[in-house]
N, C-alpha and C. Protein backbone atom coordinates (compact mmCIF):
# COMPACT_ATOMS: atom_id res chain seq x y z
N MET A 1 0.77 -1.04 0.18
CA MET A 1 0.35 0.19 -0.27
C MET A 1 1.03 1.33 -0.27
N ASN A 2 0.36 2.28 -0.87
CA ASN A 2 1.20 3.35 -0.96
C ASN A 2 0.61 4.53 0.02
N ALA A 3 1.49 5.12 0.88
CA ALA A 3 0.93 5.88 1.95
C ALA A 3 1.34 7.46 1.41
N GLN A 4 -0.19 8.41 1.13
CA GLN A 4 0.34 9.18 0.43
C GLN A 4 0.76 10.63 1.53
N LYS A 5 1.63 11.38 0.56
CA LYS A 5 2.11 12.40 1.31
C LYS A 5 1.23 13.15 2.00
N PRO A 6 1.19 13.89 3.21
CA PRO A 6 -0.15 14.79 3.59
C PRO A 6 -0.24 15.91 2.78
N LYS A 7 -0.77 16.44 2.50
CA LYS A 7 -1.17 17.61 1.75
C LYS A 7 -1.44 18.98 2.42
N THR A 8 -0.66 19.89 2.60
CA THR A 8 -0.62 20.88 3.44
C THR A 8 -1.19 22.32 3.24
N LEU A 9 -2.00 22.87 3.43
CA LEU A 9 -2.61 24.47 3.47
C LEU A 9 -2.03 24.81 4.57
N VAL A 10 -1.16 26.53 4.14
CA VAL A 10 -1.19 27.48 4.63
C VAL A 10 -1.72 28.79 4.66
N ALA A 11 -2.78 28.68 5.57
CA ALA A 11 -3.40 29.35 5.82
C ALA A 11 -3.39 30.62 6.84
N TYR A 12 -3.36 31.91 6.14
CA TYR A 12 -3.23 33.30 7.15
C TYR A 12 -3.80 34.14 7.25
N PHE A 13 -4.05 34.78 8.46
CA PHE A 13 -4.92 36.48 8.20
C PHE A 13 -3.64 37.38 8.79
N SER A 14 -3.60 38.49 8.21
CA SER A 14 -2.13 39.25 8.49
C SER A 14 -3.10 40.45 7.46
N ARG A 15 -2.45 42.09 8.56
CA ARG A 15 -2.88 43.43 8.57
C ARG A 15 -1.41 44.02 7.90
N ALA A 16 -1.60 44.86 6.41
CA ALA A 16 -0.91 45.38 6.59
C ALA A 16 -1.36 46.85 6.75
N GLY A 17 -0.28 47.53 6.74
CA GLY A 17 -0.54 49.13 7.35
C GLY A 17 0.11 49.71 8.79
N ASN A 18 -0.61 50.60 9.14
CA ASN A 18 0.34 50.99 10.69
C ASN A 18 -0.03 49.65 11.43
N ASN A 19 1.32 49.36 11.83
CA ASN A 19 1.13 48.26 12.89
C ASN A 19 2.14 48.62 14.28
N TYR A 20 1.93 48.20 14.93
CA TYR A 20 2.71 48.14 16.44
C TYR A 20 4.17 47.57 16.70
N VAL A 21 5.21 47.99 16.83
CA VAL A 21 6.42 46.96 16.23
C VAL A 21 7.63 47.55 17.16
N GLY A 22 8.04 46.80 17.97
CA GLY A 22 9.18 47.34 19.12
C GLY A 22 8.56 48.79 19.33
N GLY A 23 7.43 48.60 20.18
CA GLY A 23 7.47 49.96 21.02
C GLY A 23 7.07 51.23 20.33
N THR A 24 6.85 51.27 19.08
CA THR A 24 6.32 52.36 18.16
C THR A 24 5.11 51.73 17.12
N ILE A 25 4.71 52.92 16.26
CA ILE A 25 3.95 52.34 15.25
C ILE A 25 4.43 52.77 13.96
N VAL A 26 4.55 51.95 13.17
CA VAL A 26 5.07 51.72 11.88
C VAL A 26 3.98 51.01 10.57
N ASN A 27 4.44 52.03 9.47
CA ASN A 27 3.99 51.26 8.70
C ASN A 27 4.26 50.06 7.41
N LEU A 28 3.62 48.77 7.91
CA LEU A 28 4.26 47.71 7.19
C LEU A 28 3.67 47.66 5.92
N PRO A 29 4.46 47.46 4.70
CA PRO A 29 3.76 47.29 3.34
C PRO A 29 2.94 45.73 3.35
N VAL A 30 3.94 44.96 4.13
CA VAL A 30 3.39 43.39 4.09
C VAL A 30 3.20 43.21 5.53
N GLY A 31 1.80 42.42 6.05
CA GLY A 31 1.78 42.29 7.41
C GLY A 31 2.81 41.21 7.80
N ASN A 32 3.39 41.11 8.95
CA ASN A 32 4.35 40.52 9.76
C ASN A 32 4.13 38.98 9.65
N THR A 33 2.53 38.51 9.98
CA THR A 33 2.08 37.16 9.59
C THR A 33 2.25 36.76 8.45
N ALA A 34 2.11 37.48 7.36
CA ALA A 34 1.92 37.11 6.18
C ALA A 34 3.31 36.86 5.49
N VAL A 35 4.74 37.76 6.24
CA VAL A 35 5.94 37.42 6.02
C VAL A 35 6.55 35.86 6.57
N ILE A 36 5.69 35.64 7.53
CA ILE A 36 6.15 34.37 7.86
C ILE A 36 5.55 33.29 7.17
N ALA A 37 3.97 33.55 6.98
CA ALA A 37 3.51 32.53 6.23
C ALA A 37 4.06 31.92 4.66
N LYS A 38 4.81 33.40 4.32
CA LYS A 38 5.31 33.06 3.18
C LYS A 38 6.65 31.97 2.57
N MET A 39 7.64 32.66 4.21
CA MET A 39 8.42 31.78 4.50
C MET A 39 7.87 30.04 4.48
N ILE A 40 7.07 29.89 5.16
CA ILE A 40 6.50 28.50 5.22
C ILE A 40 6.00 28.09 4.06
N HIS A 41 5.27 28.79 3.32
CA HIS A 41 4.44 28.14 2.01
C HIS A 41 6.50 27.67 1.24
N GLU A 42 7.23 28.88 1.12
CA GLU A 42 8.34 28.46 0.53
C GLU A 42 9.26 27.14 0.99
N VAL A 43 9.17 26.83 2.18
CA VAL A 43 9.82 26.03 2.81
C VAL A 43 9.00 24.50 2.60
N THR A 44 7.93 24.79 2.75
CA THR A 44 6.63 23.33 2.63
C THR A 44 6.37 22.99 1.44
N GLY A 45 6.30 24.13 0.80
CA GLY A 45 5.37 23.65 -0.48
C GLY A 45 4.05 23.59 -0.49
N GLY A 46 3.62 23.92 0.97
CA GLY A 46 1.71 23.82 1.04
C GLY A 46 1.27 24.78 -0.23
N ASP A 47 0.02 24.77 -0.18
CA ASP A 47 -0.59 26.05 -0.82
C ASP A 47 -0.69 27.09 0.09
N LEU A 48 -1.25 28.00 -0.02
CA LEU A 48 -1.32 29.50 0.51
C LEU A 48 -2.35 29.69 0.20
N PHE A 49 -3.02 30.35 1.17
CA PHE A 49 -4.62 31.14 1.32
C PHE A 49 -4.69 32.05 2.32
N HIS A 50 -4.76 33.24 1.83
CA HIS A 50 -4.99 34.23 2.55
C HIS A 50 -6.64 34.63 3.30
N ILE A 51 -6.49 34.37 4.85
CA ILE A 51 -7.89 34.99 5.30
C ILE A 51 -7.99 35.99 5.67
N GLU A 52 -9.26 36.77 4.53
CA GLU A 52 -9.10 38.32 4.43
C GLU A 52 -11.02 38.20 4.84
N ALA A 53 -11.32 39.40 5.45
CA ALA A 53 -12.18 40.12 6.18
C ALA A 53 -13.01 40.66 4.71
N VAL A 54 -14.02 40.51 4.44
CA VAL A 54 -14.88 41.20 3.72
C VAL A 54 -14.73 43.13 3.97
N LYS A 55 -14.98 43.36 5.52
CA LYS A 55 -14.96 44.70 5.50
C LYS A 55 -13.54 44.69 6.18
N PRO A 56 -12.51 45.56 5.50
CA PRO A 56 -11.19 45.96 5.50
C PRO A 56 -11.20 46.28 7.06
N TYR A 57 -9.89 46.38 7.75
CA TYR A 57 -9.61 47.02 9.15
C TYR A 57 -9.36 48.30 9.01
N PRO A 58 -9.47 49.51 9.77
CA PRO A 58 -8.89 50.61 9.76
C PRO A 58 -7.50 50.71 9.62
N GLU A 59 -6.81 51.34 8.58
CA GLU A 59 -5.73 51.77 8.38
C GLU A 59 -5.08 52.09 9.51
N ASP A 60 -5.46 52.88 10.72
CA ASP A 60 -4.82 53.26 11.79
C ASP A 60 -4.85 52.43 12.93
N TYR A 61 -3.61 52.13 13.44
CA TYR A 61 -3.38 50.75 14.00
C TYR A 61 -4.75 50.97 15.79
N THR A 62 -4.77 52.51 16.27
CA THR A 62 -5.38 52.28 17.22
C THR A 62 -6.64 52.06 16.92
N GLU A 63 -7.70 52.56 15.94
CA GLU A 63 -8.65 52.30 15.20
C GLU A 63 -8.93 50.74 15.30
N THR A 64 -7.95 49.99 14.64
CA THR A 64 -7.85 48.64 14.28
C THR A 64 -8.03 48.00 15.54
N THR A 65 -7.45 48.47 16.66
CA THR A 65 -7.35 47.47 18.08
C THR A 65 -8.81 47.61 18.78
N ASP A 66 -9.41 49.03 18.55
CA ASP A 66 -10.88 49.17 18.87
C ASP A 66 -12.01 48.39 18.36
N VAL A 67 -11.84 48.43 17.20
CA VAL A 67 -12.70 47.25 16.49
C VAL A 67 -12.20 45.81 16.31
N ALA A 68 -11.29 45.49 16.84
CA ALA A 68 -10.88 43.88 17.19
C ALA A 68 -11.25 43.63 18.42
N LYS A 69 -10.94 44.70 19.14
CA LYS A 69 -11.44 44.35 20.75
C LYS A 69 -13.16 44.08 20.72
N GLU A 70 -14.08 45.17 20.17
CA GLU A 70 -15.33 45.04 19.93
C GLU A 70 -15.73 43.64 19.17
N GLU A 71 -15.24 43.31 18.05
CA GLU A 71 -15.38 42.19 17.53
C GLU A 71 -15.44 40.54 18.57
N LEU A 72 -14.41 40.90 19.04
CA LEU A 72 -13.70 39.93 20.51
C LEU A 72 -15.10 40.01 21.35
N ARG A 73 -15.46 41.03 21.74
CA ARG A 73 -16.23 41.34 22.98
C ARG A 73 -17.58 40.73 22.33
N ALA A 74 -18.16 40.90 21.00
CA ALA A 74 -19.48 40.65 20.41
C ALA A 74 -19.11 39.39 19.98
N ARG A 75 -18.25 38.44 20.39
CA ARG A 75 -17.96 36.97 19.28
C ARG A 75 -18.31 36.89 17.70
N ALA A 76 -17.78 38.17 17.15
CA ALA A 76 -18.29 38.65 15.77
C ALA A 76 -17.81 37.41 14.82
N ARG A 77 -18.58 36.82 13.56
CA ARG A 77 -17.47 36.38 12.41
C ARG A 77 -17.78 37.06 11.41
N PRO A 78 -16.54 37.88 10.98
CA PRO A 78 -16.93 38.65 9.87
C PRO A 78 -16.81 37.90 8.73
N LYS A 79 -17.70 38.10 7.71
CA LYS A 79 -17.52 37.61 6.38
C LYS A 79 -16.16 37.51 5.60
N LEU A 80 -15.98 36.72 5.32
CA LEU A 80 -14.57 36.44 4.60
C LEU A 80 -14.84 36.64 2.72
N THR A 81 -13.61 37.06 2.18
CA THR A 81 -13.71 37.36 1.06
C THR A 81 -13.64 36.12 -0.11
N GLY A 82 -13.02 34.84 0.55
CA GLY A 82 -12.79 33.79 -0.21
C GLY A 82 -13.17 32.63 0.60
N ARG A 83 -12.86 31.38 -0.26
CA ARG A 83 -13.23 30.07 0.75
C ARG A 83 -11.79 29.17 -0.36
N VAL A 84 -11.67 28.70 0.54
CA VAL A 84 -10.84 26.93 0.22
C VAL A 84 -11.87 26.10 -0.27
N GLU A 85 -11.72 25.86 -1.71
CA GLU A 85 -12.45 24.91 -2.34
C GLU A 85 -12.66 23.74 -2.08
N SER A 86 -11.30 23.29 -1.73
CA SER A 86 -10.72 21.76 -2.40
C SER A 86 -10.02 21.40 -0.48
N MET A 87 -11.04 21.90 0.57
CA MET A 87 -10.40 21.78 1.79
C MET A 87 -9.96 20.42 2.31
N ALA A 88 -11.38 19.58 1.82
CA ALA A 88 -11.38 18.12 2.19
C ALA A 88 -9.87 17.25 1.69
N SER A 89 -9.30 18.10 0.47
CA SER A 89 -7.69 17.29 -0.30
C SER A 89 -6.80 17.68 1.27
N TYR A 90 -6.53 18.38 1.92
CA TYR A 90 -5.81 18.95 3.12
C TYR A 90 -5.82 18.01 4.26
N ASN A 91 -4.74 17.72 4.59
CA ASN A 91 -4.55 16.73 5.87
C ASN A 91 -4.26 17.72 7.08
N ARG A 92 -3.27 18.80 6.69
CA ARG A 92 -2.77 19.27 7.57
C ARG A 92 -2.88 20.94 7.21
N ILE A 93 -3.26 21.53 8.30
CA ILE A 93 -3.65 23.52 8.04
C ILE A 93 -2.28 23.89 9.08
N ILE A 94 -1.41 24.63 8.37
CA ILE A 94 -0.56 25.82 9.27
C ILE A 94 -1.20 26.96 9.03
N LEU A 95 -1.78 27.33 10.47
CA LEU A 95 -2.60 28.60 10.58
C LEU A 95 -1.88 29.41 11.56
N GLY A 96 -1.64 30.45 10.33
CA GLY A 96 -1.07 31.65 11.07
C GLY A 96 -2.09 32.90 11.13
N TYR A 97 -1.81 33.77 12.36
CA TYR A 97 -2.60 34.93 12.75
C TYR A 97 -1.47 36.11 13.75
N PRO A 98 -1.93 36.92 13.82
CA PRO A 98 -1.47 38.00 14.82
C PRO A 98 -1.79 37.74 15.91
N ASN A 99 -1.40 37.74 17.16
CA ASN A 99 -2.35 37.80 18.38
C ASN A 99 -2.76 38.85 19.00
N TRP A 100 -4.16 39.32 18.56
CA TRP A 100 -5.37 40.38 19.17
C TRP A 100 -5.86 40.02 19.99
N TRP A 101 -5.55 40.87 21.51
CA TRP A 101 -6.41 40.75 22.35
C TRP A 101 -6.43 39.26 23.29
N GLY A 102 -5.00 38.54 22.99
CA GLY A 102 -4.77 37.36 23.57
C GLY A 102 -5.19 36.13 23.04
N THR A 103 -5.88 36.38 21.60
CA THR A 103 -6.12 34.86 21.00
C THR A 103 -6.11 35.74 19.27
N MET A 104 -6.70 34.87 18.33
CA MET A 104 -6.79 34.94 17.14
C MET A 104 -7.69 36.19 16.82
N PRO A 105 -7.46 36.81 15.71
CA PRO A 105 -8.61 38.01 14.89
C PRO A 105 -9.69 37.12 14.98
N MET A 106 -10.93 37.70 14.87
CA MET A 106 -12.27 36.86 14.78
C MET A 106 -12.87 36.68 13.23
N PRO A 107 -11.86 37.29 12.27
CA PRO A 107 -11.78 36.46 10.80
C PRO A 107 -11.41 35.18 10.89
N VAL A 108 -10.43 34.52 11.54
CA VAL A 108 -9.63 33.23 12.27
C VAL A 108 -10.64 32.68 12.27
N TYR A 109 -11.63 32.83 13.43
CA TYR A 109 -12.50 31.86 14.03
C TYR A 109 -13.65 31.63 12.87
N THR A 110 -13.99 32.91 12.01
CA THR A 110 -14.77 32.46 10.80
C THR A 110 -14.00 31.39 9.77
N PHE A 111 -12.85 31.40 9.50
CA PHE A 111 -12.60 30.53 8.80
C PHE A 111 -12.69 29.30 9.27
N LEU A 112 -11.96 28.93 10.70
CA LEU A 112 -12.30 27.74 11.25
C LEU A 112 -13.49 27.23 11.37
N GLU A 113 -14.58 27.99 11.57
CA GLU A 113 -16.19 27.55 11.55
C GLU A 113 -16.53 27.21 10.37
N GLY A 114 -15.73 27.67 9.00
CA GLY A 114 -16.63 27.38 7.89
C GLY A 114 -15.99 26.12 7.51
N TYR A 115 -15.60 25.21 8.01
CA TYR A 115 -15.20 23.93 7.36
C TYR A 115 -15.34 22.87 8.37
N ASN A 116 -15.46 21.61 7.83
CA ASN A 116 -15.49 20.62 8.65
C ASN A 116 -13.74 19.95 8.47
N LEU A 117 -13.27 20.14 9.90
CA LEU A 117 -11.77 20.14 9.79
C LEU A 117 -11.56 18.93 10.88
N ALA A 118 -12.63 18.15 11.05
CA ALA A 118 -12.68 16.58 12.11
C ALA A 118 -11.32 15.94 11.51
N GLY A 119 -10.32 15.62 12.21
CA GLY A 119 -9.40 14.60 11.59
C GLY A 119 -8.25 15.31 10.96
N LYS A 120 -8.36 16.39 10.93
CA LYS A 120 -7.35 17.43 10.04
C LYS A 120 -6.12 17.56 11.71
N THR A 121 -4.86 18.00 10.91
CA THR A 121 -4.02 18.46 12.06
C THR A 121 -4.04 20.08 11.96
N LEU A 122 -3.96 20.79 12.67
CA LEU A 122 -4.00 22.08 12.78
C LEU A 122 -2.55 22.58 13.52
N VAL A 123 -1.36 23.04 12.70
CA VAL A 123 -0.54 23.84 13.01
C VAL A 123 -0.50 25.11 13.37
N PRO A 124 -0.90 26.01 14.73
CA PRO A 124 -0.54 27.48 15.03
C PRO A 124 0.58 27.85 14.74
N PHE A 125 0.73 29.14 14.27
CA PHE A 125 1.81 30.20 14.67
C PHE A 125 1.36 31.59 14.35
N CYS A 126 1.72 32.29 15.58
CA CYS A 126 1.23 33.67 15.46
C CYS A 126 2.66 34.84 15.79
N THR A 127 2.26 35.94 15.31
CA THR A 127 3.13 36.98 15.37
C THR A 127 2.44 37.82 16.58
N HIS A 128 3.58 38.51 17.19
CA HIS A 128 3.15 39.43 18.28
C HIS A 128 4.19 40.37 18.48
N GLU A 129 3.44 40.93 19.72
CA GLU A 129 4.58 42.10 20.17
C GLU A 129 5.01 41.68 21.65
N GLY A 130 5.21 40.77 22.08
CA GLY A 130 5.22 40.57 23.27
C GLY A 130 4.20 39.55 24.15
N SER A 131 3.30 39.29 24.01
CA SER A 131 2.35 38.42 24.39
C SER A 131 2.29 36.89 23.87
N GLY A 132 3.26 36.30 22.83
CA GLY A 132 2.93 35.26 22.65
C GLY A 132 1.64 34.69 22.00
N LEU A 133 1.63 33.57 22.11
CA LEU A 133 0.33 32.62 21.32
C LEU A 133 -0.81 33.44 22.28
N GLY A 134 -0.56 34.22 23.70
CA GLY A 134 -1.66 34.03 24.53
C GLY A 134 -2.69 32.50 24.83
N HIS A 135 -3.91 32.87 24.54
CA HIS A 135 -4.81 31.49 24.94
C HIS A 135 -5.47 31.04 23.58
N SER A 136 -4.62 31.44 22.51
CA SER A 136 -4.96 31.20 21.19
C SER A 136 -5.42 29.65 20.65
N VAL A 137 -4.08 28.91 21.11
CA VAL A 137 -4.04 27.50 20.66
C VAL A 137 -5.22 26.71 21.55
N ALA A 138 -5.31 27.22 22.89
CA ALA A 138 -6.82 26.79 23.75
C ALA A 138 -7.81 27.15 22.85
N ASP A 139 -7.99 28.16 22.42
CA ASP A 139 -9.22 28.61 21.60
C ASP A 139 -9.46 27.88 20.53
N ILE A 140 -8.24 27.46 19.76
CA ILE A 140 -8.47 26.46 18.20
C ILE A 140 -8.88 25.06 18.77
N ARG A 141 -8.35 24.96 19.96
CA ARG A 141 -8.63 23.42 20.33
C ARG A 141 -10.33 23.31 20.87
N LYS A 142 -10.64 24.47 20.93
CA LYS A 142 -12.17 24.68 21.73
C LYS A 142 -12.78 24.60 20.08
N THR A 143 -12.67 25.70 19.72
CA THR A 143 -13.30 25.45 18.02
C THR A 143 -13.18 24.38 17.33
N CYS A 144 -12.38 24.08 17.30
CA CYS A 144 -12.04 22.45 16.46
C CYS A 144 -11.60 21.19 17.38
N PRO A 145 -12.42 20.54 17.89
CA PRO A 145 -12.67 19.46 19.10
C PRO A 145 -12.48 18.24 18.31
N ARG A 146 -12.70 18.32 17.12
CA ARG A 146 -12.24 16.85 16.61
C ARG A 146 -11.12 17.15 15.69
N SER A 147 -9.95 18.06 15.94
CA SER A 147 -8.91 18.08 15.26
C SER A 147 -7.68 17.90 15.64
N THR A 148 -6.55 17.69 15.46
CA THR A 148 -5.63 17.41 16.29
C THR A 148 -4.62 18.91 16.23
N VAL A 149 -4.83 19.57 17.38
CA VAL A 149 -4.22 20.89 17.32
C VAL A 149 -3.13 20.59 18.07
N TRP A 150 -1.65 21.05 17.14
CA TRP A 150 -0.55 20.98 17.70
C TRP A 150 -0.42 22.47 18.67
N ASP A 151 0.69 22.65 19.84
CA ASP A 151 1.53 23.93 20.20
C ASP A 151 1.95 24.76 18.75
N GLY A 152 2.09 25.81 19.12
CA GLY A 152 2.53 26.58 18.11
C GLY A 152 3.34 27.45 18.15
N LEU A 153 3.77 28.23 17.34
CA LEU A 153 5.14 28.95 17.47
C LEU A 153 4.53 30.48 17.52
N ALA A 154 5.28 31.41 18.32
CA ALA A 154 5.52 32.24 18.56
C ALA A 154 6.34 33.46 18.17
N ILE A 155 6.20 34.24 17.02
CA ILE A 155 7.53 35.04 16.62
C ILE A 155 7.40 36.47 16.92
N ARG A 156 7.98 37.17 17.62
CA ARG A 156 7.75 38.86 17.78
C ARG A 156 7.69 39.29 16.46
N GLY A 157 6.66 40.09 16.10
CA GLY A 157 6.39 40.78 15.01
C GLY A 157 7.70 41.55 14.52
N GLY A 158 8.28 42.23 15.30
CA GLY A 158 9.65 43.03 14.91
C GLY A 158 10.55 42.25 14.48
N GLU A 159 10.70 40.68 14.48
CA GLU A 159 11.80 39.96 14.10
C GLU A 159 11.87 38.95 12.87
N VAL A 160 10.47 39.61 12.51
CA VAL A 160 10.19 38.33 11.06
C VAL A 160 11.11 38.20 10.18
N THR A 161 11.39 39.46 9.99
CA THR A 161 12.67 39.16 8.75
C THR A 161 13.73 38.53 8.71
N ASN A 162 13.98 38.34 9.89
CA ASN A 162 15.55 37.46 10.58
C ASN A 162 14.76 35.97 11.28
N ALA A 163 13.28 35.75 10.88
CA ALA A 163 12.86 34.20 11.52
C ALA A 163 12.94 33.35 10.47
N LYS A 164 13.58 33.19 9.57
CA LYS A 164 13.81 32.29 8.68
C LYS A 164 14.14 30.84 9.15
N ASP A 165 15.51 30.98 9.98
CA ASP A 165 16.00 29.83 10.59
C ASP A 165 15.27 29.32 11.65
N GLU A 166 14.50 29.97 12.48
CA GLU A 166 13.58 29.32 13.67
C GLU A 166 12.45 28.86 12.95
N VAL A 167 12.20 29.45 12.06
CA VAL A 167 10.81 29.00 11.26
C VAL A 167 11.08 27.46 10.55
N ALA A 168 12.30 27.61 10.12
CA ALA A 168 12.44 26.16 9.54
C ALA A 168 13.01 25.14 10.54
N ARG A 169 13.51 25.60 11.90
CA ARG A 169 13.49 24.67 12.78
C ARG A 169 12.25 24.12 13.42
N TRP A 170 11.58 25.13 13.58
CA TRP A 170 10.08 24.53 13.90
C TRP A 170 9.55 23.52 13.17
N LEU A 171 9.42 23.75 11.78
CA LEU A 171 9.19 22.85 10.99
C LEU A 171 9.35 21.55 10.47
N ARG A 172 10.93 21.60 10.83
CA ARG A 172 11.49 20.51 10.98
C ARG A 172 11.00 19.69 12.36
N GLU A 173 10.98 20.29 13.43
CA GLU A 173 10.24 19.99 14.78
C GLU A 173 9.07 19.55 14.80
N THR A 174 8.12 19.73 13.78
CA THR A 174 6.85 19.41 14.18
C THR A 174 6.74 18.15 12.96
N GLY A 175 7.66 17.91 11.89
CA GLY A 175 7.78 17.14 11.05
C GLY A 175 7.04 17.66 9.79
N MET A 176 6.71 19.23 9.82
CA MET A 176 6.39 19.41 8.50
C MET A 176 6.85 19.57 7.53
N ILE A 177 8.64 19.39 7.60
CA ILE A 177 9.54 19.11 6.56
C ILE A 177 10.62 18.23 6.92
N ALA A 178 11.04 17.61 6.16
CA ALA A 178 12.13 16.27 6.43
C ALA A 178 13.36 17.06 7.36
N LYS A 179 13.95 16.34 8.15
CA LYS A 179 15.33 16.90 9.04
C LYS A 179 16.45 16.62 8.24
N ALA A 180 16.95 18.42 8.29
CA ALA A 180 18.48 17.57 7.52
C ALA A 180 19.57 16.61 8.14
C-alpha cells in the first residue's frame, strides 16, 4: 500500500499598514504574519491561502485595535472574501495570525468554523509584540475539538524578517519538513 504524502495548506490572516512593532507604530507594506506564512510556504511547498475579511480593518492602528476588541467582545464572525474550495484534500493546516487581545482575530474564527476540520492536523503560528500565543491554541482546540491541534510557534513581529532559521527549525521539529 502506498502512503500518500500529507497535503498541506498554509492559511493565514495578516494586516498590513499601521502596526505596533518594537514599541512604536510603523507602516508595514506587508503584514508580519504574511511574511512568516510566505516563508513557510516556500519551505513546505504547501498551498497558500490568505484569510481576509470582506470589510477591511481601519488603516489606523488604534482604530483597528478598537474594532478588534469590539469584535472579540461581540464574538463577531466577519464575512470572508474567499473560501478554500478543496479543503477536504488537505490533511494539515498551518494556521497563522497575529495575536489580537490574547487570541486570534475574529476572521480566523470565521475561517475555522466554516469547514469540517475533523481529523485534520492544525499547526498554529502567530506574530506578536510580547504576548506570545496568548490563549489562541486553547481557543483553536475549543473551536476544532475533532482536530489534532499542535502547540504553536510565536514570533515577535519586529523579528519576522530574521526568523527564517527559527521557522525552518520549528517546521523540522513538527515534522512539516524532513530533518536535514
